[in-house]
Amino acid sequence: MAERERICFVIMPFGRKSVGGTEVDFNAIDSNIFEHAIRRATTAEGASLIPARTDVDAFSSSIHQEMLERIMDSRMAFADISGLNSNVFYEIAVRHNAQASGTVVFR
């Protein structure tokens, strides 16, 4: 199975953001919780999923192009809407337009 077929694209805010008056470190949530959970999940073929985020992965081309390709082409997408972030909602809409299934929304 090709690596790209195992990608779970993580859609979420990055850095520290205020949510309901509380400062939330979304990078810590991703690295301490989401990344581990995604790596433990397996495909129907038995391969582990690979978490990917545009803001932490190194790309040689435009980050926006890579982000859109990953949103549309990833086997799975995991979206955290906890911060009610407009960019997150936009990326979920792009994903839904490309693939009606394979998206997990978390709050």
N, C-alpha and C. Protein backbone atom coordinates (compact mmCIF):
# COMPACT_ATOMS: atom_id res chain seq x y z
N MET A 1 0.84 -1.18 0.00
CA MET A 1 0.00 0.00 0.00
C MET A 1 0.89 1.24 0.00
N ALA A 2 0.61 2.15 -0.89
CA ALA A 2 1.39 3.38 -0.99
C ALA A 2 1.16 4.25 0.24
N GLU A 3 2.19 5.00 0.62
CA GLU A 3 2.09 5.85 1.81
C GLU A 3 0.95 6.84 1.69
N ARG A 4 0.75 7.43 0.52
CA ARG A 4 -0.31 8.43 0.36
C ARG A 4 -1.70 7.85 0.61
N GLU A 5 -1.85 6.53 0.45
CA GLU A 5 -3.14 5.88 0.71
C GLU A 5 -3.38 5.67 2.20
N ARG A 6 -2.39 5.98 3.01
CA ARG A 6 -2.50 5.81 4.46
C ARG A 6 -2.60 7.15 5.20
N ILE A 7 -2.63 8.25 4.47
CA ILE A 7 -2.62 9.57 5.10
C ILE A 7 -3.98 9.89 5.73
N CYS A 8 -3.91 10.36 6.98
CA CYS A 8 -5.07 10.94 7.65
C CYS A 8 -4.72 12.41 7.85
N PHE A 9 -5.35 13.26 7.08
CA PHE A 9 -5.05 14.69 7.13
C PHE A 9 -5.76 15.32 8.32
N VAL A 10 -5.01 16.02 9.15
CA VAL A 10 -5.57 16.65 10.34
C VAL A 10 -5.90 18.10 10.03
N ILE A 11 -7.16 18.44 10.21
CA ILE A 11 -7.66 19.79 9.98
C ILE A 11 -7.97 20.38 11.35
N MET A 12 -7.20 21.38 11.74
CA MET A 12 -7.39 21.99 13.05
C MET A 12 -6.63 23.30 13.13
N PRO A 13 -6.97 24.14 14.11
CA PRO A 13 -6.15 25.33 14.32
C PRO A 13 -4.76 24.91 14.75
N PHE A 14 -3.80 25.80 14.64
CA PHE A 14 -2.46 25.50 15.13
C PHE A 14 -2.02 26.60 16.09
N GLY A 15 -1.09 26.24 16.95
CA GLY A 15 -0.61 27.20 17.94
C GLY A 15 -1.59 27.35 19.09
N ARG A 16 -1.43 28.44 19.81
CA ARG A 16 -2.29 28.72 20.95
C ARG A 16 -3.40 29.66 20.51
N LYS A 17 -4.64 29.29 20.87
CA LYS A 17 -5.81 30.10 20.52
C LYS A 17 -6.72 30.16 21.74
N SER A 18 -7.47 31.23 21.83
CA SER A 18 -8.46 31.37 22.89
C SER A 18 -9.75 30.68 22.45
N VAL A 19 -10.25 29.80 23.32
CA VAL A 19 -11.51 29.09 23.05
C VAL A 19 -12.38 29.25 24.29
N GLY A 20 -13.45 29.98 24.16
CA GLY A 20 -14.35 30.19 25.28
C GLY A 20 -13.68 30.83 26.48
N GLY A 21 -12.72 31.70 26.22
CA GLY A 21 -12.02 32.39 27.30
C GLY A 21 -10.85 31.62 27.88
N THR A 22 -10.58 30.42 27.36
CA THR A 22 -9.46 29.61 27.83
C THR A 22 -8.44 29.47 26.71
N GLU A 23 -7.17 29.65 27.03
CA GLU A 23 -6.13 29.47 26.02
C GLU A 23 -5.90 27.98 25.81
N VAL A 24 -5.97 27.56 24.55
CA VAL A 24 -5.81 26.15 24.19
C VAL A 24 -4.58 26.02 23.31
N ASP A 25 -3.72 25.07 23.63
CA ASP A 25 -2.53 24.78 22.82
C ASP A 25 -2.87 23.65 21.86
N PHE A 26 -3.29 24.01 20.65
CA PHE A 26 -3.71 23.01 19.67
C PHE A 26 -2.55 22.14 19.20
N ASN A 27 -1.35 22.68 19.17
CA ASN A 27 -0.19 21.85 18.78
C ASN A 27 0.03 20.73 19.79
N ALA A 28 -0.13 21.04 21.08
CA ALA A 28 0.04 20.01 22.12
C ALA A 28 -1.06 18.96 22.01
N ILE A 29 -2.29 19.38 21.75
CA ILE A 29 -3.38 18.43 21.59
C ILE A 29 -3.10 17.49 20.42
N ASP A 30 -2.62 18.06 19.33
CA ASP A 30 -2.30 17.23 18.17
C ASP A 30 -1.19 16.24 18.48
N SER A 31 -0.09 16.72 19.00
CA SER A 31 1.06 15.83 19.21
C SER A 31 0.86 14.85 20.35
N ASN A 32 0.12 15.23 21.38
CA ASN A 32 -0.06 14.35 22.54
C ASN A 32 -1.27 13.43 22.45
N ILE A 33 -2.26 13.79 21.64
CA ILE A 33 -3.49 12.99 21.59
C ILE A 33 -3.79 12.51 20.17
N PHE A 34 -4.06 13.46 19.27
CA PHE A 34 -4.53 13.09 17.94
C PHE A 34 -3.53 12.22 17.18
N GLU A 35 -2.27 12.64 17.18
CA GLU A 35 -1.25 11.91 16.42
C GLU A 35 -1.16 10.46 16.87
N HIS A 36 -1.15 10.23 18.17
CA HIS A 36 -1.06 8.86 18.69
C HIS A 36 -2.29 8.04 18.32
N ALA A 37 -3.47 8.64 18.45
CA ALA A 37 -4.70 7.93 18.12
C ALA A 37 -4.75 7.57 16.64
N ILE A 38 -4.36 8.50 15.79
CA ILE A 38 -4.38 8.24 14.34
C ILE A 38 -3.40 7.13 13.99
N ARG A 39 -2.21 7.16 14.55
CA ARG A 39 -1.22 6.11 14.27
C ARG A 39 -1.69 4.72 14.73
N ARG A 40 -2.55 4.66 15.73
CA ARG A 40 -3.06 3.37 16.21
C ARG A 40 -4.22 2.86 15.36
N ALA A 41 -4.86 3.75 14.61
CA ALA A 41 -5.96 3.34 13.73
C ALA A 41 -5.39 2.62 12.51
N THR A 42 -6.12 1.65 12.00
CA THR A 42 -5.65 0.90 10.84
C THR A 42 -6.66 0.96 9.70
N THR A 43 -6.14 0.78 8.51
CA THR A 43 -6.98 0.72 7.33
C THR A 43 -7.62 -0.66 7.25
N ALA A 44 -8.55 -0.86 6.34
CA ALA A 44 -9.17 -2.16 6.13
C ALA A 44 -8.13 -3.20 5.74
N GLU A 45 -7.03 -2.74 5.14
CA GLU A 45 -5.96 -3.64 4.72
C GLU A 45 -4.99 -3.96 5.86
N GLY A 46 -5.19 -3.33 7.02
CA GLY A 46 -4.35 -3.60 8.18
C GLY A 46 -3.14 -2.68 8.33
N ALA A 47 -3.01 -1.68 7.49
CA ALA A 47 -1.89 -0.74 7.59
C ALA A 47 -2.26 0.40 8.53
N SER A 48 -1.29 0.91 9.28
CA SER A 48 -1.56 2.02 10.18
C SER A 48 -1.69 3.33 9.40
N LEU A 49 -2.54 4.20 9.89
CA LEU A 49 -2.70 5.52 9.27
C LEU A 49 -1.52 6.40 9.63
N ILE A 50 -1.26 7.37 8.79
CA ILE A 50 -0.17 8.32 8.99
C ILE A 50 -0.78 9.71 9.15
N PRO A 51 -0.63 10.34 10.33
CA PRO A 51 -1.18 11.68 10.50
C PRO A 51 -0.36 12.70 9.73
N ALA A 52 -1.03 13.70 9.19
CA ALA A 52 -0.34 14.75 8.44
C ALA A 52 -1.03 16.08 8.68
N ARG A 53 -0.22 17.11 8.90
CA ARG A 53 -0.71 18.49 9.03
C ARG A 53 0.15 19.36 8.15
N THR A 54 -0.48 20.26 7.43
CA THR A 54 0.25 21.12 6.51
C THR A 54 1.23 22.03 7.23
N ASP A 55 0.88 22.53 8.40
CA ASP A 55 1.74 23.50 9.08
C ASP A 55 2.99 22.88 9.69
N VAL A 56 3.05 21.55 9.82
CA VAL A 56 4.25 20.92 10.39
C VAL A 56 5.01 20.07 9.39
N ASP A 57 4.40 19.73 8.26
CA ASP A 57 5.08 18.94 7.24
C ASP A 57 5.86 19.85 6.31
N ALA A 58 7.02 19.40 5.87
CA ALA A 58 7.87 20.18 4.96
C ALA A 58 7.46 19.90 3.51
N PHE A 59 7.22 20.95 2.77
CA PHE A 59 6.83 20.82 1.37
C PHE A 59 7.77 21.63 0.49
N SER A 60 7.97 21.14 -0.73
CA SER A 60 8.84 21.86 -1.66
C SER A 60 8.05 22.83 -2.53
N SER A 61 6.73 22.68 -2.56
CA SER A 61 5.91 23.56 -3.37
C SER A 61 5.04 24.44 -2.47
N SER A 62 4.02 25.03 -3.03
CA SER A 62 3.13 25.92 -2.29
C SER A 62 2.41 25.17 -1.18
N ILE A 63 2.42 25.74 0.03
CA ILE A 63 1.73 25.10 1.14
C ILE A 63 0.23 25.02 0.87
N HIS A 64 -0.34 26.01 0.18
CA HIS A 64 -1.77 26.00 -0.12
C HIS A 64 -2.11 24.89 -1.11
N GLN A 65 -1.28 24.68 -2.10
CA GLN A 65 -1.50 23.61 -3.06
C GLN A 65 -1.42 22.25 -2.37
N GLU A 66 -0.40 22.06 -1.55
CA GLU A 66 -0.24 20.80 -0.82
C GLU A 66 -1.41 20.57 0.13
N MET A 67 -1.85 21.63 0.81
CA MET A 67 -2.97 21.51 1.73
C MET A 67 -4.22 21.05 0.99
N LEU A 68 -4.53 21.68 -0.14
CA LEU A 68 -5.72 21.32 -0.89
C LEU A 68 -5.63 19.89 -1.43
N GLU A 69 -4.45 19.50 -1.90
CA GLU A 69 -4.28 18.13 -2.39
C GLU A 69 -4.48 17.13 -1.27
N ARG A 70 -3.92 17.40 -0.11
CA ARG A 70 -4.06 16.47 1.02
C ARG A 70 -5.51 16.43 1.51
N ILE A 71 -6.16 17.57 1.57
CA ILE A 71 -7.57 17.60 1.99
C ILE A 71 -8.41 16.74 1.06
N MET A 72 -8.19 16.87 -0.23
CA MET A 72 -9.02 16.17 -1.21
C MET A 72 -8.63 14.71 -1.39
N ASP A 73 -7.34 14.39 -1.27
CA ASP A 73 -6.88 13.05 -1.63
C ASP A 73 -6.62 12.11 -0.47
N SER A 74 -6.57 12.60 0.74
CA SER A 74 -6.26 11.74 1.89
C SER A 74 -7.33 10.69 2.08
N ARG A 75 -6.90 9.54 2.54
CA ARG A 75 -7.83 8.45 2.82
C ARG A 75 -8.83 8.88 3.89
N MET A 76 -8.33 9.57 4.91
CA MET A 76 -9.16 10.05 6.01
C MET A 76 -8.81 11.51 6.27
N ALA A 77 -9.76 12.20 6.85
CA ALA A 77 -9.51 13.55 7.36
C ALA A 77 -10.08 13.61 8.77
N PHE A 78 -9.33 14.21 9.67
CA PHE A 78 -9.74 14.35 11.06
C PHE A 78 -9.82 15.84 11.33
N ALA A 79 -11.00 16.34 11.65
CA ALA A 79 -11.20 17.78 11.81
C ALA A 79 -11.61 18.12 13.23
N ASP A 80 -10.87 19.04 13.85
CA ASP A 80 -11.17 19.51 15.20
C ASP A 80 -11.82 20.88 15.08
N ILE A 81 -13.12 20.94 15.42
CA ILE A 81 -13.85 22.20 15.31
C ILE A 81 -13.98 22.91 16.67
N SER A 82 -13.19 22.49 17.64
CA SER A 82 -13.29 23.04 19.00
C SER A 82 -13.18 24.56 19.04
N GLY A 83 -12.31 25.13 18.23
CA GLY A 83 -12.10 26.57 18.26
C GLY A 83 -13.05 27.35 17.38
N LEU A 84 -13.97 26.65 16.70
CA LEU A 84 -14.89 27.29 15.75
C LEU A 84 -14.12 28.20 14.79
N ASN A 85 -13.01 27.68 14.28
CA ASN A 85 -12.09 28.41 13.42
C ASN A 85 -12.60 28.42 11.97
N SER A 86 -12.68 29.59 11.36
CA SER A 86 -13.21 29.70 10.00
C SER A 86 -12.37 28.94 8.98
N ASN A 87 -11.05 28.90 9.16
CA ASN A 87 -10.21 28.14 8.24
C ASN A 87 -10.51 26.65 8.32
N VAL A 88 -10.77 26.16 9.51
CA VAL A 88 -11.12 24.75 9.70
C VAL A 88 -12.43 24.44 8.97
N PHE A 89 -13.43 25.32 9.12
CA PHE A 89 -14.70 25.10 8.44
C PHE A 89 -14.54 25.12 6.92
N TYR A 90 -13.70 26.01 6.42
CA TYR A 90 -13.43 26.07 4.99
C TYR A 90 -12.81 24.76 4.50
N GLU A 91 -11.82 24.26 5.24
CA GLU A 91 -11.15 23.02 4.85
C GLU A 91 -12.11 21.83 4.91
N ILE A 92 -13.01 21.81 5.88
CA ILE A 92 -14.02 20.74 5.94
C ILE A 92 -14.93 20.82 4.71
N ALA A 93 -15.31 22.02 4.32
CA ALA A 93 -16.16 22.18 3.14
C ALA A 93 -15.45 21.70 1.88
N VAL A 94 -14.17 22.03 1.73
CA VAL A 94 -13.40 21.55 0.59
C VAL A 94 -13.35 20.04 0.59
N ARG A 95 -13.09 19.46 1.76
CA ARG A 95 -13.03 18.00 1.89
C ARG A 95 -14.37 17.37 1.52
N HIS A 96 -15.46 17.91 2.05
CA HIS A 96 -16.78 17.35 1.76
C HIS A 96 -17.11 17.43 0.29
N ASN A 97 -16.68 18.51 -0.37
CA ASN A 97 -16.91 18.65 -1.80
C ASN A 97 -16.15 17.57 -2.58
N ALA A 98 -14.95 17.23 -2.11
CA ALA A 98 -14.11 16.24 -2.80
C ALA A 98 -14.50 14.81 -2.45
N GLN A 99 -14.84 14.57 -1.18
CA GLN A 99 -15.17 13.23 -0.71
C GLN A 99 -16.27 13.33 0.34
N ALA A 100 -17.38 12.72 0.06
CA ALA A 100 -18.52 12.79 0.99
C ALA A 100 -18.33 11.92 2.22
N SER A 101 -17.36 11.03 2.21
CA SER A 101 -17.13 10.17 3.37
C SER A 101 -15.65 10.20 3.75
N GLY A 102 -15.34 9.60 4.88
CA GLY A 102 -13.95 9.53 5.32
C GLY A 102 -13.48 10.72 6.11
N THR A 103 -14.43 11.48 6.67
CA THR A 103 -14.07 12.64 7.49
C THR A 103 -14.64 12.47 8.88
N VAL A 104 -13.80 12.63 9.89
CA VAL A 104 -14.21 12.55 11.28
C VAL A 104 -14.16 13.97 11.83
N VAL A 105 -15.27 14.43 12.39
CA VAL A 105 -15.33 15.77 12.97
C VAL A 105 -15.37 15.61 14.47
N PHE A 106 -14.49 16.34 15.16
CA PHE A 106 -14.32 16.23 16.60
C PHE A 106 -14.45 17.60 17.22
N ARG A 107 -15.09 17.66 18.38
CA ARG A 107 -15.16 18.93 19.13
C ARG A 107 -14.93 18.63 20.58
